[in-house]
C-alpha atoms as a PDB file:
ATOM      1  CA  MET A   1       4.378  23.342  11.356  1.00  0.00           C
ATOM      2  CA  THR A   2       4.655  23.807   7.985  1.00  0.00           C
ATOM      3  CA  ASP A   3       3.182  21.178   5.712  1.00  0.00           C
ATOM      4  CA  PRO A   4       4.917  18.736   4.440  1.00  0.00           C
ATOM      5  CA  THR A   5       3.405  17.897   1.790  1.00  0.00           C
ATOM      6  CA  PRO A   6       5.679  18.820  -1.519  1.00  0.00           C
ATOM      7  CA  ALA A   7       8.162  16.950   0.265  1.00  0.00           C
ATOM      8  CA  LEU A   8       6.951  13.490  -0.609  1.00  0.00           C
ATOM      9  CA  PHE A   9       6.646  11.511  -3.341  1.00  0.00           C
ATOM     10  CA  ARG A  10       7.298  14.391  -5.926  1.00  0.00           C
ATOM     11  CA  PRO A  11       4.471  13.801  -7.814  1.00  0.00           C
ATOM     12  CA  GLY A  12       4.937  16.503 -10.734  1.00  0.00           C
ATOM     13  CA  LEU A  13       7.818  14.123 -11.737  1.00  0.00           C
ATOM     14  CA  ALA A  14       6.965  11.281 -14.004  1.00  0.00           C
ATOM     15  CA  ALA A  15       6.303   7.858 -12.317  1.00  0.00           C
ATOM     16  CA  PRO A  16       9.608   6.157 -12.847  1.00  0.00           C
ATOM     17  CA  GLY A  17       9.219   3.381 -15.685  1.00  0.00           C
ATOM     18  CA  PHE A  18       6.642   5.539 -17.361  1.00  0.00           C
ATOM     19  CA  PRO A  19       6.974   8.835 -19.785  1.00  0.00           C
ATOM     20  CA  ALA A  20       5.806  11.551 -18.605  1.00  0.00           C
ATOM     21  CA  PRO A  21       2.204  13.512 -19.044  1.00  0.00           C
ATOM     22  CA  ALA A  22       2.258  15.073 -22.145  1.00  0.00           C
ATOM     23  CA  GLU A  23       0.148  18.620 -21.575  1.00  0.00           C
ATOM     24  CA  GLY A  24      -3.483  19.223 -20.731  1.00  0.00           C
ATOM     25  CA  SER A  25      -3.257  14.974 -21.090  1.00  0.00           C
ATOM     26  CA  ALA A  26      -6.374  13.362 -20.861  1.00  0.00           C
ATOM     27  CA  SER A  27      -7.914  11.746 -18.190  1.00  0.00           C
ATOM     28  CA  ALA A  28      -7.035  10.097 -14.903  1.00  0.00           C
ATOM     29  CA  PRO A  29      -5.997   6.972 -14.754  1.00  0.00           C
ATOM     30  CA  VAL A  30      -8.697   3.070 -13.685  1.00  0.00           C
ATOM     31  CA  ILE A  31      -7.981   3.035 -10.118  1.00  0.00           C
ATOM     32  CA  VAL A  32      -8.138  -0.729  -8.340  1.00  0.00           C
ATOM     33  CA  ALA A  33      -7.889  -0.056  -4.726  1.00  0.00           C
ATOM     34  CA  ILE A  34      -7.023  -3.406  -2.421  1.00  0.00           C
ATOM     35  CA  ASP A  35      -7.780  -3.614   1.224  1.00  0.00           C
ATOM     36  CA  GLY A  36      -6.643  -6.093   3.413  1.00  0.00           C
ATOM     37  CA  PRO A  37      -5.059  -7.513   6.878  1.00  0.00           C
ATOM     38  CA  ALA A  38      -1.038  -8.434   6.922  1.00  0.00           C
ATOM     39  CA  GLY A  39      -0.840 -11.549   5.596  1.00  0.00           C
ATOM     40  CA  SER A  40      -3.238 -11.806   3.335  1.00  0.00           C
ATOM     41  CA  GLY A  41      -1.131 -11.588   0.019  1.00  0.00           C
ATOM     42  CA  LYS A  42      -2.055  -7.982  -1.018  1.00  0.00           C
ATOM     43  CA  SER A  43       1.175  -6.648  -2.414  1.00  0.00           C
ATOM     44  CA  SER A  44       2.386  -9.559  -4.199  1.00  0.00           C
ATOM     45  CA  VAL A  45      -1.384 -10.694  -5.188  1.00  0.00           C
ATOM     46  CA  SER A  46      -1.763  -6.661  -6.164  1.00  0.00           C
ATOM     47  CA  LYS A  47       1.561  -6.520  -8.142  1.00  0.00           C
ATOM     48  CA  ALA A  48       0.801  -9.659 -10.370  1.00  0.00           C
ATOM     49  CA  THR A  49      -2.771  -7.557 -11.197  1.00  0.00           C
ATOM     50  CA  ALA A  50      -0.686  -4.637 -12.308  1.00  0.00           C
ATOM     51  CA  ALA A  51       0.964  -6.464 -14.212  1.00  0.00           C
ATOM     52  CA  ARG A  52      -1.438  -8.878 -15.879  1.00  0.00           C
ATOM     53  CA  LEU A  53      -3.740  -5.411 -16.917  1.00  0.00           C
ATOM     54  CA  GLY A  54      -0.627  -3.581 -18.002  1.00  0.00           C
ATOM     55  CA  TYR A  55      -1.022  -0.927 -14.799  1.00  0.00           C
ATOM     56  CA  GLY A  56       1.294   0.501 -12.622  1.00  0.00           C
ATOM     57  CA  PHE A  57       1.068  -0.621  -9.174  1.00  0.00           C
ATOM     58  CA  LEU A  58       1.266   1.423  -6.375  1.00  0.00           C
ATOM     59  CA  ASP A  59       2.550  -0.319  -2.145  1.00  0.00           C
ATOM     60  CA  THR A  60       1.243   2.076  -0.049  1.00  0.00           C
ATOM     61  CA  GLY A  61       2.385   0.476   3.095  1.00  0.00           C
ATOM     62  CA  ALA A  62       6.199   1.607   2.046  1.00  0.00           C
ATOM     63  CA  ALA A  63       5.398   4.842   2.591  1.00  0.00           C
ATOM     64  CA  TYR A  64       4.701   4.383   5.890  1.00  0.00           C
ATOM     65  CA  ARG A  65       7.434   1.341   6.577  1.00  0.00           C
ATOM     66  CA  ALA A  66       9.893   3.942   4.510  1.00  0.00           C
ATOM     67  CA  LEU A  67       8.873   6.615   7.755  1.00  0.00           C
ATOM     68  CA  ALA A  68       9.378   4.570   9.873  1.00  0.00           C
ATOM     69  CA  TRP A  69      13.215   3.398   8.808  1.00  0.00           C
ATOM     70  CA  HIS A  70      13.537   7.623   8.624  1.00  0.00           C
ATOM     71  CA  ALA A  71      12.602   7.788  12.120  1.00  0.00           C
ATOM     72  CA  LEU A  72      14.408   5.182  13.746  1.00  0.00           C
ATOM     73  CA  GLU A  73      17.384   5.985  11.643  1.00  0.00           C
ATOM     74  CA  HIS A  74      17.174   9.655  13.154  1.00  0.00           C
ATOM     75  CA  GLY A  75      16.126   8.017  16.893  1.00  0.00           C
ATOM     76  CA  VAL A  76      12.891   8.767  17.329  1.00  0.00           C
ATOM     77  CA  ASP A  77      10.199   6.900  19.612  1.00  0.00           C
ATOM     78  CA  THR A  78       7.419   6.229  17.023  1.00  0.00           C
ATOM     79  CA  SER A  79       5.490   5.239  19.830  1.00  0.00           C
ATOM     80  CA  ASP A  80       5.516  10.044  19.962  1.00  0.00           C
ATOM     81  CA  SER A  81       2.846  11.239  17.800  1.00  0.00           C
ATOM     82  CA  THR A  82       4.929  14.857  18.550  1.00  0.00           C
ATOM     83  CA  ALA A  83       7.957  13.471  17.183  1.00  0.00           C
ATOM     84  CA  VAL A  84       6.444  11.246  14.271  1.00  0.00           C
ATOM     85  CA  LEU A  85       4.989  15.000  13.618  1.00  0.00           C
ATOM     86  CA  GLU A  86       8.470  16.589  13.597  1.00  0.00           C
ATOM     87  CA  VAL A  87      10.358  14.177  11.667  1.00  0.00           C
ATOM     88  CA  PHE A  88       8.034  13.793   9.255  1.00  0.00           C
ATOM     89  CA  GLY A  89       8.968  17.715   8.112  1.00  0.00           C
ATOM     90  CA  ASP A  90      12.281  16.392   5.923  1.00  0.00           C
ATOM     91  CA  PHE A  91      10.817  12.668   5.023  1.00  0.00           C
ATOM     92  CA  ASP A  92      11.750  13.093   0.999  1.00  0.00           C
ATOM     93  CA  TYR A  93       9.864  10.719  -0.061  1.00  0.00           C
ATOM     94  CA  ALA A  94       9.970   8.876  -3.643  1.00  0.00           C
ATOM     95  CA  ILE A  95       8.540   5.419  -4.812  1.00  0.00           C
ATOM     96  CA  SER A  96       8.517   3.040  -8.663  1.00  0.00           C
ATOM     97  CA  LEU A  97       4.883   2.438 -10.063  1.00  0.00           C
ATOM     98  CA  ASP A  98       6.578   0.125 -12.082  1.00  0.00           C
ATOM     99  CA  THR A  99       6.043  -3.834 -11.392  1.00  0.00           C
ATOM    100  CA  THR A 100       8.858  -4.391 -12.858  1.00  0.00           C
ATOM    101  CA  ASP A 101      11.715  -2.219 -11.277  1.00  0.00           C
ATOM    102  CA  ARG A 102      10.386  -1.638  -7.829  1.00  0.00           C
ATOM    103  CA  TRP A 103      12.408   0.473  -5.518  1.00  0.00           C
ATOM    104  CA  VAL A 104      11.324   3.340  -2.748  1.00  0.00           C
ATOM    105  CA  ARG A 105      14.405   5.938  -1.901  1.00  0.00           C
ATOM    106  CA  VAL A 106      13.901   8.524   1.086  1.00  0.00           C
ATOM    107  CA  GLY A 107      16.171  11.026   0.138  1.00  0.00           C
ATOM    108  CA  GLY A 108      19.433   9.927  -1.948  1.00  0.00           C
ATOM    109  CA  VAL A 109      19.222   6.744   0.258  1.00  0.00           C
ATOM    110  CA  ASP A 110      17.567   3.434  -1.380  1.00  0.00           C
ATOM    111  CA  VAL A 111      15.509   1.696   1.333  1.00  0.00           C
ATOM    112  CA  THR A 112      13.326  -0.756  -0.491  1.00  0.00           C
ATOM    113  CA  THR A 113      15.544  -3.872   1.166  1.00  0.00           C
ATOM    114  CA  ALA A 114      15.469  -1.697   4.664  1.00  0.00           C
ATOM    115  CA  ILE A 115      11.745  -1.040   5.202  1.00  0.00           C
ATOM    116  CA  ARG A 116      11.649  -4.591   5.858  1.00  0.00           C
ATOM    117  CA  GLU A 117      13.404  -5.761   8.364  1.00  0.00           C
ATOM    118  CA  PRO A 118      12.037  -6.637  11.414  1.00  0.00           C
ATOM    119  CA  ARG A 119      12.112  -3.471  13.500  1.00  0.00           C
ATOM    120  CA  VAL A 120      11.057  -1.331  11.118  1.00  0.00           C
ATOM    121  CA  THR A 121       7.811  -3.495  11.329  1.00  0.00           C
ATOM    122  CA  ASP A 122       7.323  -2.491  14.570  1.00  0.00           C
ATOM    123  CA  ALA A 123       7.520   0.477  14.196  1.00  0.00           C
ATOM    124  CA  VAL A 124       5.405   1.006  11.136  1.00  0.00           C
ATOM    125  CA  SER A 125       1.843   0.964  13.184  1.00  0.00           C
ATOM    126  CA  GLY A 126       3.901   3.775  15.714  1.00  0.00           C
ATOM    127  CA  VAL A 127       4.478   5.867  12.639  1.00  0.00           C
ATOM    128  CA  ALA A 128       0.567   5.219  10.906  1.00  0.00           C
ATOM    129  CA  ARG A 129      -1.589   5.773  13.486  1.00  0.00           C
ATOM    130  CA  VAL A 130      -0.980   9.198  14.076  1.00  0.00           C
ATOM    131  CA  GLY A 131      -4.098  11.079  12.230  1.00  0.00           C
ATOM    132  CA  ALA A 132      -2.289  13.814  10.796  1.00  0.00           C
ATOM    133  CA  VAL A 133       0.648  11.580   9.110  1.00  0.00           C
ATOM    134  CA  ARG A 134      -2.283   9.884   7.639  1.00  0.00           C
ATOM    135  CA  GLN A 135      -4.225  13.234   6.199  1.00  0.00           C
ATOM    136  CA  ALA A 136      -0.915  14.248   4.369  1.00  0.00           C
ATOM    137  CA  VAL A 137       0.334  10.432   2.854  1.00  0.00           C
ATOM    138  CA  ASN A 138      -3.361   9.631   1.469  1.00  0.00           C
ATOM    139  CA  GLN A 139      -3.449  12.990  -0.051  1.00  0.00           C
ATOM    140  CA  LEU A 140       0.015  12.140  -1.333  1.00  0.00           C
ATOM    141  CA  PHE A 141      -1.260   9.392  -2.677  1.00  0.00           C
ATOM    142  CA  ARG A 142      -4.249  10.882  -5.054  1.00  0.00           C
ATOM    143  CA  ARG A 143      -1.942  12.748  -6.284  1.00  0.00           C
ATOM    144  CA  LEU A 144       0.357  10.853  -7.002  1.00  0.00           C
ATOM    145  CA  VAL A 145      -2.339   8.390  -8.858  1.00  0.00           C
ATOM    146  CA  ALA A 146      -3.686  11.515 -10.020  1.00  0.00           C
ATOM    147  CA  SER A 147      -0.525  11.895 -12.377  1.00  0.00           C
ATOM    148  CA  ALA A 148       0.510   8.898 -12.962  1.00  0.00           C
ATOM    149  CA  ALA A 149       1.128   8.996 -17.351  1.00  0.00           C
ATOM    150  CA  VAL A 150      -0.408   5.296 -17.141  1.00  0.00           C
ATOM    151  CA  ARG A 151      -3.925   3.859 -17.912  1.00  0.00           C
ATOM    152  CA  GLY A 152      -3.919   1.880 -14.705  1.00  0.00           C
ATOM    153  CA  VAL A 153      -3.082   1.755 -11.423  1.00  0.00           C
ATOM    154  CA  VAL A 154      -3.830  -0.874  -8.685  1.00  0.00           C
ATOM    155  CA  VAL A 155      -3.555   0.368  -5.074  1.00  0.00           C
ATOM    156  CA  GLU A 156      -2.941  -1.214  -2.302  1.00  0.00           C
ATOM    157  CA  GLY A 157      -2.709  -1.021   1.838  1.00  0.00           C
ATOM    158  CA  ARG A 158      -5.224  -0.666   4.363  1.00  0.00           C
ATOM    159  CA  ASP A 159      -8.240   1.782   4.214  1.00  0.00           C
ATOM    160  CA  ILE A 160      -7.492   2.121   0.619  1.00  0.00           C
ATOM    161  CA  THR A 161     -10.827   1.289  -0.463  1.00  0.00           C
ATOM    162  CA  THR A 162     -13.058   3.374   2.330  1.00  0.00           C
ATOM    163  CA  VAL A 163     -11.106   6.262   2.851  1.00  0.00           C
ATOM    164  CA  VAL A 164      -7.878   6.935   0.003  1.00  0.00           C
ATOM    165  CA  PHE A 165     -10.132   6.475  -2.945  1.00  0.00           C
ATOM    166  CA  PRO A 166     -13.967   5.066  -2.023  1.00  0.00           C
ATOM    167  CA  ASP A 167     -15.309   5.910  -5.148  1.00  0.00           C
ATOM    168  CA  ALA A 168     -12.319   3.904  -6.793  1.00  0.00           C
ATOM    169  CA  PRO A 169     -14.693   1.861  -9.587  1.00  0.00           C
ATOM    170  CA  VAL A 170     -13.129  -1.368  -8.346  1.00  0.00           C
ATOM    171  CA  ARG A 171     -12.995  -2.072  -5.055  1.00  0.00           C
ATOM    172  CA  ILE A 172     -11.253  -5.467  -3.184  1.00  0.00           C
ATOM    173  CA  LEU A 173     -11.127  -6.659   0.284  1.00  0.00           C
ATOM    174  CA  LEU A 174      -8.283  -9.247  -0.350  1.00  0.00           C
ATOM    175  CA  THR A 175      -8.023 -11.676   3.125  1.00  0.00           C
ATOM    176  CA  ALA A 176      -8.159 -14.837   4.239  1.00  0.00           C
ATOM    177  CA  ALA A 177      -8.032 -17.271   7.159  1.00  0.00           C
ATOM    178  CA  PRO A 178      -5.406 -15.712  10.410  1.00  0.00           C
ATOM    179  CA  GLU A 179      -4.096 -19.298  10.419  1.00  0.00           C
ATOM    180  CA  VAL A 180      -3.616 -19.084   6.486  1.00  0.00           C
ATOM    181  CA  ARG A 181      -2.460 -15.405   6.832  1.00  0.00           C
ATOM    182  CA  ALA A 182       0.246 -16.498   9.093  1.00  0.00           C
ATOM    183  CA  ALA A 183       1.526 -19.330   7.301  1.00  0.00           C
ATOM    184  CA  ARG A 184       2.060 -17.851   4.323  1.00  0.00           C
ATOM    185  CA  ARG A 185       4.001 -14.927   6.123  1.00  0.00           C
ATOM    186  CA  SER A 186       6.313 -17.049   7.750  1.00  0.00           C
ATOM    187  CA  ALA A 187       6.851 -19.056   4.427  1.00  0.00           C
ATOM    188  CA  GLU A 188       8.432 -15.602   3.229  1.00  0.00           C
ATOM    189  CA  LEU A 189      10.678 -14.723   5.884  1.00  0.00           C
ATOM    190  CA  THR A 190      12.144 -17.837   5.513  1.00  0.00           C
ATOM    191  CA  ASP A 191      14.233 -16.904   8.532  1.00  0.00           C
ATOM    192  CA  GLN A 192      12.588 -16.228  11.457  1.00  0.00           C
ATOM    193  CA  ASP A 193      10.262 -18.359  13.951  1.00  0.00           C
ATOM    194  CA  ALA A 194       6.467 -19.374  12.650  1.00  0.00           C
ATOM    195  CA  ALA A 195       5.668 -18.668  16.119  1.00  0.00           C
ATOM    196  CA  LYS A 196       7.286 -15.240  16.613  1.00  0.00           C
ATOM    197  CA  VAL A 197       6.434 -14.222  12.714  1.00  0.00           C
ATOM    198  CA  ALA A 198       2.353 -15.533  13.519  1.00  0.00           C
ATOM    199  CA  ALA A 199       2.809 -13.286  17.166  1.00  0.00           C
ATOM    200  CA  ALA A 200       3.865 -10.145  15.442  1.00  0.00           C
ATOM    201  CA  LEU A 201       0.916 -10.249  12.544  1.00  0.00           C
ATOM    202  CA  HIS A 202      -1.117 -11.028  15.206  1.00  0.00           C
ATOM    203  CA  LYS A 203       0.242  -8.302  17.415  1.00  0.00           C
ATOM    204  CA  ARG A 204       0.155  -5.609  14.242  1.00  0.00           C
ATOM    205  CA  ASP A 205      -3.006  -6.721  13.422  1.00  0.00           C
ATOM    206  CA  ALA A 206      -4.798  -5.794  16.821  1.00  0.00           C
ATOM    207  CA  ALA A 207      -2.453  -2.311  16.302  1.00  0.00           C
ATOM    208  CA  ASP A 208      -3.760  -1.637  13.401  1.00  0.00           C
ATOM    209  CA  SER A 209      -7.500  -2.189  14.404  1.00  0.00           C
ATOM    210  CA  THR A 210      -7.292   0.626  16.432  1.00  0.00           C
ATOM    211  CA  VAL A 211      -6.931   3.075  13.676  1.00  0.00           C
ATOM    212  CA  VAL A 212      -9.162   1.268  10.355  1.00  0.00           C
ATOM    213  CA  ASP A 213     -11.354  -1.543   9.808  1.00  0.00           C
ATOM    214  CA  PHE A 214      -9.571  -4.030   7.205  1.00  0.00           C
ATOM    215  CA  LEU A 215     -11.475  -6.697   8.192  1.00  0.00           C
ATOM    216  CA  THR A 216     -15.262  -5.651   6.748  1.00  0.00           C
ATOM    217  CA  ALA A 217     -16.412  -4.505   3.425  1.00  0.00           C
ATOM    218  CA  ALA A 218     -17.703  -1.581   3.232  1.00  0.00           C
ATOM    219  CA  PRO A 219     -20.520  -1.105   1.151  1.00  0.00           C
ATOM    220  CA  GLY A 220     -19.500  -1.513  -2.806  1.00  0.00           C
ATOM    221  CA  VAL A 221     -16.329  -3.177  -2.269  1.00  0.00           C
ATOM    222  CA  GLU A 222     -16.409  -7.048  -3.459  1.00  0.00           C
ATOM    223  CA  VAL A 223     -14.569  -9.957  -1.020  1.00  0.00           C
ATOM    224  CA  VAL A 224     -11.846 -11.949  -2.402  1.00  0.00           C
ATOM    225  CA  ASP A 225     -11.077 -14.865   0.195  1.00  0.00           C
ATOM    226  CA  SER A 226      -8.029 -16.410  -0.389  1.00  0.00           C
ATOM    227  CA  THR A 227      -7.406 -19.551   2.648  1.00  0.00           C
ATOM    228  CA  HIS A 228      -8.130 -21.822  -0.189  1.00  0.00           C
ATOM    229  CA  LEU A 229      -6.290 -20.244  -3.345  1.00  0.00           C
ATOM    230  CA  ASP A 230      -3.693 -20.393  -4.879  1.00  0.00           C
ATOM    231  CA  PHE A 231      -1.590 -17.192  -5.109  1.00  0.00           C
ATOM    232  CA  GLU A 232      -2.134 -18.074  -9.315  1.00  0.00           C
ATOM    233  CA  GLN A 233      -5.774 -18.211  -8.863  1.00  0.00           C
ATOM    234  CA  THR A 234      -5.839 -15.598  -5.478  1.00  0.00           C
ATOM    235  CA  VAL A 235      -4.567 -13.433  -9.168  1.00  0.00           C
ATOM    236  CA  ASP A 236      -7.185 -14.826 -11.780  1.00  0.00           C
ATOM    237  CA  ALA A 237      -9.777 -14.100  -8.634  1.00  0.00           C
ATOM    238  CA  VAL A 238      -9.001 -10.799  -8.399  1.00  0.00           C
ATOM    239  CA  LEU A 239      -8.918  -9.979 -12.460  1.00  0.00           C
ATOM    240  CA  ASN A 240     -11.955 -11.694 -12.310  1.00  0.00           C
ATOM    241  CA  VAL A 241     -13.421  -9.446 -10.357  1.00  0.00           C
ATOM    242  CA  VAL A 242     -11.627  -6.251 -11.773  1.00  0.00           C
ATOM    243  CA  ASP A 243     -13.382  -7.649 -15.995  1.00  0.00           C
ATOM    244  CA  SER A 244     -17.242  -7.733 -13.703  1.00  0.00           C
ATOM    245  CA  THR A 245     -16.621  -4.836 -12.450  1.00  0.00           C
ATOM    246  CA  MET A 246     -15.724  -2.976 -14.950  1.00  0.00           C
ATOM    247  CA  GLY A 247     -17.565  -4.951 -17.779  1.00  0.00           C
ATOM    248  CA  ALA A 248     -20.834  -3.609 -15.869  1.00  0.00           C
ATOM    249  CA  ARG A 249     -19.684  -0.155 -15.601  1.00  0.00           C
ATOM    250  CA  ASP A 250     -18.896  -0.310 -19.612  1.00  0.00           C
ATOM    251  CA  GLY A 251     -22.222  -1.522 -20.522  1.00  0.00           C
ATOM    252  CA  ARG A 252     -21.063  -5.324 -21.120  1.00  0.00           C
END
């Protein structure tokens, strides 16, 4: 099988909403890596954090969701690793890093909304557990962030703090009690039964835990437990970690 990497993210392009990097320019962006389980608020908190910092925002889970959508559109059984690898070969993926203009595309199709459909959510773990896919996509995340013309990027997703960016200057595990995560996810998905949402979240956690450990903070990773925090308090807690960590690095 040929290497599918060049087709994804088109990393030579400027991040949408930001200017292209100057020739021979500057250092790579500062990375704030945020990990955590489903329903912990990773995406919304990370996006708000990026906006407050003036950084770009990369939702890594969107890549796996988009691949799941792509596989389903091709009639692929996402539990079949070989079939997932085959459909990965023509997976032409692009994503915005702009916090105010969010979009995800596969080829010429805008899938920003479609990748949040229940059928896609149910298929995500199947594509994400394929080791060769994870390795290739992780490389692309690194290339995309390194070439982004921004001061920093908040990157969120599973195993971001341990596998994708283990050397990021700021690494955070955002978590909350299971029942709180289920309640929050249910509130987001107002058109779905709360019990079904909780069951789906539990199923997702169980499936993903066979691939990555997203509940235990690795050495050097700061834990932000939002069980008893509202959204703004959680964002403030994350920003406090960024400030204290970067301040310590800069000798402040």
